[in-house]
N, C-alpha and C. Protein backbone atom coordinates (compact mmCIF):
# COMPACT_ATOMS: atom_id res chain seq x y z
N MET A 1 57.74 155.94 130.01
CA MET A 1 56.77 155.48 131.37
C MET A 1 57.28 154.14 131.12
N ALA A 2 57.67 153.53 132.22
CA ALA A 2 58.20 152.24 132.36
C ALA A 2 57.14 151.16 131.95
N LYS A 3 57.40 150.14 132.45
CA LYS A 3 56.49 148.93 131.60
C LYS A 3 56.15 148.01 132.57
N SER A 4 55.16 147.61 133.14
CA SER A 4 55.28 146.59 134.25
C SER A 4 54.61 145.25 133.43
N SER A 5 55.34 144.43 134.02
CA SER A 5 54.78 142.60 133.78
C SER A 5 53.93 141.96 135.31
N LYS A 6 52.80 141.57 134.83
CA LYS A 6 52.34 140.69 136.12
C LYS A 6 52.40 139.76 135.74
N LYS A 7 52.36 138.74 136.83
CA LYS A 7 52.55 137.09 136.22
C LYS A 7 51.43 136.84 137.04
N GLY A 8 50.82 135.95 136.79
CA GLY A 8 49.72 134.73 137.19
C GLY A 8 50.32 133.52 136.88
N VAL A 9 49.43 132.61 138.12
CA VAL A 9 49.20 131.09 137.58
C VAL A 9 48.48 130.64 136.64
N SER A 10 49.51 130.08 135.82
CA SER A 10 48.75 129.41 135.02
C SER A 10 47.39 128.65 134.70
N SER A 11 46.43 128.82 134.04
CA SER A 11 45.38 127.73 134.33
C SER A 11 45.06 126.67 133.78
N THR A 12 46.02 125.70 132.95
CA THR A 12 45.94 125.07 132.43
C THR A 12 45.64 123.57 133.03
N SER A 13 46.01 123.58 134.43
CA SER A 13 46.29 122.82 135.85
C SER A 13 45.77 121.41 135.31
N SER A 14 44.11 121.70 135.84
CA SER A 14 43.58 120.81 135.52
C SER A 14 42.19 121.70 134.97
N ALA A 15 41.91 122.41 134.95
CA ALA A 15 40.56 123.41 135.08
C ALA A 15 39.86 122.37 133.62
N SER A 16 40.44 122.29 132.82
CA SER A 16 39.39 121.66 132.07
C SER A 16 38.88 120.22 132.21
N SER A 17 39.76 119.25 132.99
CA SER A 17 38.90 118.05 132.98
C SER A 17 38.00 118.38 133.97
N SER A 18 37.83 119.70 134.63
CA SER A 18 36.40 119.44 136.06
C SER A 18 35.44 119.96 135.14
N GLY A 19 35.29 120.12 133.79
CA GLY A 19 34.07 120.45 133.01
C GLY A 19 34.42 122.18 133.05
N CYS A 20 35.16 123.06 133.34
CA CYS A 20 35.18 124.48 133.33
C CYS A 20 35.89 124.62 132.73
N ALA A 21 35.13 126.50 131.92
CA ALA A 21 36.11 126.68 130.63
C ALA A 21 37.42 126.89 130.76
N SER A 22 37.81 126.47 129.70
CA SER A 22 39.50 126.36 130.05
C SER A 22 39.97 127.72 129.51
N GLY A 23 41.26 128.66 129.80
CA GLY A 23 41.21 130.38 129.80
C GLY A 23 41.06 130.75 131.21
N THR A 24 40.01 130.32 131.93
CA THR A 24 39.62 130.88 133.06
C THR A 24 40.91 131.02 133.96
N ALA A 25 41.29 132.17 134.58
CA ALA A 25 42.02 132.47 135.29
C ALA A 25 42.01 131.85 137.11
N VAL A 26 43.03 130.24 137.33
CA VAL A 26 42.83 129.64 138.47
C VAL A 26 42.96 130.54 139.58
N ALA A 27 44.17 130.98 139.64
CA ALA A 27 44.51 131.67 140.80
C ALA A 27 45.52 133.29 140.48
N THR A 28 44.99 133.95 140.73
CA THR A 28 45.87 135.54 139.98
C THR A 28 46.80 136.46 141.25
N ALA A 29 46.33 136.16 142.28
CA ALA A 29 46.89 136.46 143.22
C ALA A 29 48.63 136.47 143.31
N PRO A 30 49.21 138.15 143.29
CA PRO A 30 50.31 138.32 143.01
C PRO A 30 50.90 137.67 144.62
N ARG A 31 52.24 137.27 144.09
CA ARG A 31 53.10 136.86 145.33
C ARG A 31 53.21 137.57 146.79
N PRO A 32 52.97 137.08 147.38
CA PRO A 32 53.32 138.24 148.43
C PRO A 32 54.61 138.56 148.88
N THR A 33 55.03 140.16 149.26
CA THR A 33 56.51 140.15 149.45
C THR A 33 56.36 140.28 151.09
N VAL A 34 57.80 139.62 151.71
CA VAL A 34 58.11 139.53 152.44
C VAL A 34 58.83 140.44 153.13
N THR A 35 58.51 141.11 154.59
CA THR A 35 59.03 142.72 154.38
C THR A 35 59.74 142.42 156.36
N ALA A 36 59.31 141.39 156.86
CA ALA A 36 59.58 141.35 158.54
C ALA A 36 59.29 139.23 158.43
N ALA A 37 60.31 139.35 159.17
CA ALA A 37 60.68 137.88 159.76
C ALA A 37 58.98 137.35 160.44
N PRO A 38 58.90 136.30 160.18
CA PRO A 38 57.75 136.24 161.09
C PRO A 38 58.25 135.48 162.42
N SER A 39 56.74 135.92 163.44
CA SER A 39 57.50 135.28 164.53
C SER A 39 57.69 133.81 164.72
N ALA A 40 58.30 133.86 165.63
CA ALA A 40 58.85 132.49 165.90
C ALA A 40 57.75 131.42 166.13
N GLY A 41 57.87 130.04 165.29
CA GLY A 41 56.37 129.34 165.78
C GLY A 41 55.26 129.55 164.53
N ALA A 42 55.16 130.75 164.22
CA ALA A 42 54.30 130.71 162.92
C ALA A 42 54.75 129.86 161.38
N VAL A 43 53.88 129.09 161.15
CA VAL A 43 53.79 128.47 160.00
C VAL A 43 52.79 128.84 158.70
N LYS A 44 53.33 129.88 158.18
CA LYS A 44 52.33 130.07 156.94
C LYS A 44 52.49 129.09 155.63
N PRO A 45 51.37 129.14 155.35
CA PRO A 45 50.95 128.02 153.66
C PRO A 45 52.01 128.59 152.71
N SER A 46 52.73 127.67 151.93
CA SER A 46 53.56 128.26 150.80
C SER A 46 52.47 129.23 149.40
N TYR A 47 52.70 130.06 148.63
CA TYR A 47 51.99 130.09 147.98
C TYR A 47 51.12 129.02 146.59
N GLU A 48 51.91 128.34 146.40
CA GLU A 48 51.53 127.12 145.86
C GLU A 48 50.78 126.29 146.33
N GLN A 49 50.38 126.11 147.76
CA GLN A 49 49.48 125.82 148.49
C GLN A 49 48.51 126.29 148.74
N ILE A 50 48.16 127.56 148.93
CA ILE A 50 47.16 128.38 148.94
C ILE A 50 46.58 128.28 147.14
N ALA A 51 47.24 128.31 146.09
CA ALA A 51 47.31 128.60 145.04
C ALA A 51 46.56 127.38 144.61
N GLN A 52 47.06 126.14 144.86
CA GLN A 52 46.22 124.86 144.47
C GLN A 52 44.63 124.94 145.38
N ARG A 53 44.50 125.39 146.42
CA ARG A 53 43.60 125.32 147.41
C ARG A 53 42.59 126.12 146.61
N ALA A 54 42.87 127.27 146.53
CA ALA A 54 41.87 128.36 146.12
C ALA A 54 41.47 127.85 144.24
N ALA A 55 42.28 127.05 143.77
CA ALA A 55 41.43 126.46 142.61
C ALA A 55 40.68 125.35 142.98
N GLU A 56 41.01 124.75 143.34
CA GLU A 56 39.68 123.70 144.43
C GLU A 56 38.60 123.71 145.08
N ILE A 57 38.63 125.22 145.34
CA ILE A 57 37.13 126.06 146.41
C ILE A 57 36.89 126.65 144.83
N TRP A 58 37.32 127.46 143.80
CA TRP A 58 37.09 127.62 142.44
C TRP A 58 36.04 126.76 141.75
N LYS A 59 36.83 125.46 141.59
CA LYS A 59 36.01 124.24 140.99
C LYS A 59 34.81 123.89 141.84
N LYS A 60 34.76 123.93 143.30
CA LYS A 60 33.57 123.78 143.68
C LYS A 60 32.68 124.75 143.89
N LYS A 61 32.50 126.01 143.11
CA LYS A 61 32.08 126.69 143.17
C LYS A 61 31.51 126.80 141.81
N GLY A 62 31.53 126.01 140.86
CA GLY A 62 31.12 126.32 139.61
C GLY A 62 32.07 127.17 138.60
N CYS A 63 33.58 126.90 138.80
CA CYS A 63 34.03 127.68 138.29
C CYS A 63 33.33 129.51 137.59
N LEU A 64 32.75 129.86 139.10
CA LEU A 64 32.50 131.23 138.76
C LEU A 64 33.33 132.53 138.59
N PRO A 65 33.52 133.28 137.65
CA PRO A 65 34.32 133.95 137.39
C PRO A 65 34.84 135.19 138.05
N GLY A 66 35.25 136.15 138.66
CA GLY A 66 35.42 137.22 139.49
C GLY A 66 35.61 137.32 141.05
N GLN A 67 35.80 136.18 141.20
CA GLN A 67 35.83 135.88 142.97
C GLN A 67 37.40 134.90 142.97
N ASP A 68 38.19 135.36 142.36
CA ASP A 68 39.59 135.16 142.30
C ASP A 68 40.24 135.53 144.00
N GLU A 69 39.28 136.80 144.25
CA GLU A 69 40.25 137.09 145.52
C GLU A 69 39.43 136.30 146.83
N GLN A 70 38.63 136.62 146.73
CA GLN A 70 37.33 135.53 147.61
C GLN A 70 38.41 134.06 147.99
N ASN A 71 37.97 133.65 146.77
CA ASN A 71 38.74 132.11 146.70
C ASN A 71 39.78 131.69 147.20
N TRP A 72 40.91 133.50 146.89
CA TRP A 72 42.60 133.02 147.45
C TRP A 72 41.97 133.20 149.32
N LEU A 73 41.33 134.40 149.56
CA LEU A 73 41.42 134.53 151.02
C LEU A 73 40.80 133.57 151.62
N GLU A 74 39.75 132.42 151.50
CA GLU A 74 39.25 131.19 152.12
C GLU A 74 40.16 130.30 151.94
N ALA A 75 40.84 130.21 150.94
CA ALA A 75 41.96 128.89 151.07
C ALA A 75 43.05 129.14 151.77
N GLU A 76 43.40 130.34 152.01
CA GLU A 76 44.35 130.52 152.62
C GLU A 76 43.92 130.84 154.58
N ARG A 77 42.34 131.17 154.51
CA ARG A 77 42.27 131.13 155.96
C ARG A 77 42.00 129.22 156.35
N GLN A 78 41.65 128.73 155.15
CA GLN A 78 41.47 127.19 155.47
C GLN A 78 43.08 126.58 155.62
N LEU A 79 44.06 126.98 155.04
CA LEU A 79 44.77 126.14 155.13
C LEU A 79 46.20 126.75 156.72
N LYS A 80 45.63 127.94 156.89
CA LYS A 80 46.07 128.63 158.06
C LYS A 80 45.77 127.71 159.57
N ALA A 81 44.23 127.53 159.49
CA ALA A 81 43.17 126.58 160.42
C ALA A 81 43.90 125.44 160.73
N GLU A 82 44.33 125.07 159.46
CA GLU A 82 44.78 123.39 159.43
C GLU A 82 46.31 123.26 159.87
N VAL A 83 47.22 124.17 159.71
CA VAL A 83 48.00 124.46 160.45
C VAL A 83 48.29 124.70 162.04
N THR A 84 47.12 125.14 162.22
CA THR A 84 47.09 125.56 163.77
C THR A 84 46.04 124.49 164.69
N ARG A 85 45.77 123.61 164.16
CA ARG A 85 44.98 122.57 164.92
C ARG A 85 45.85 121.10 164.93
N LYS A 86 46.72 121.43 164.15
CA LYS A 86 47.67 120.26 164.63
C LYS A 86 49.03 120.62 165.50
């Protein structure tokens, strides 16, 4: 059986300085795979931008566990909305 490895984003950034328990994953969403070229003019936030925003959302919510996907999707939505407003 083949072994698979999962890569996550390190949670050592500033979680401890925000008062949240250390060792809690900040952003664990996998890196997206690109299958088709984006349409002309479409600007997507980078993985790092989304991860940083998701971490901010997580901290604002009190570092609640089990909401990584919701935080990630909210971060992505916010960043996309900011790009379209510009």
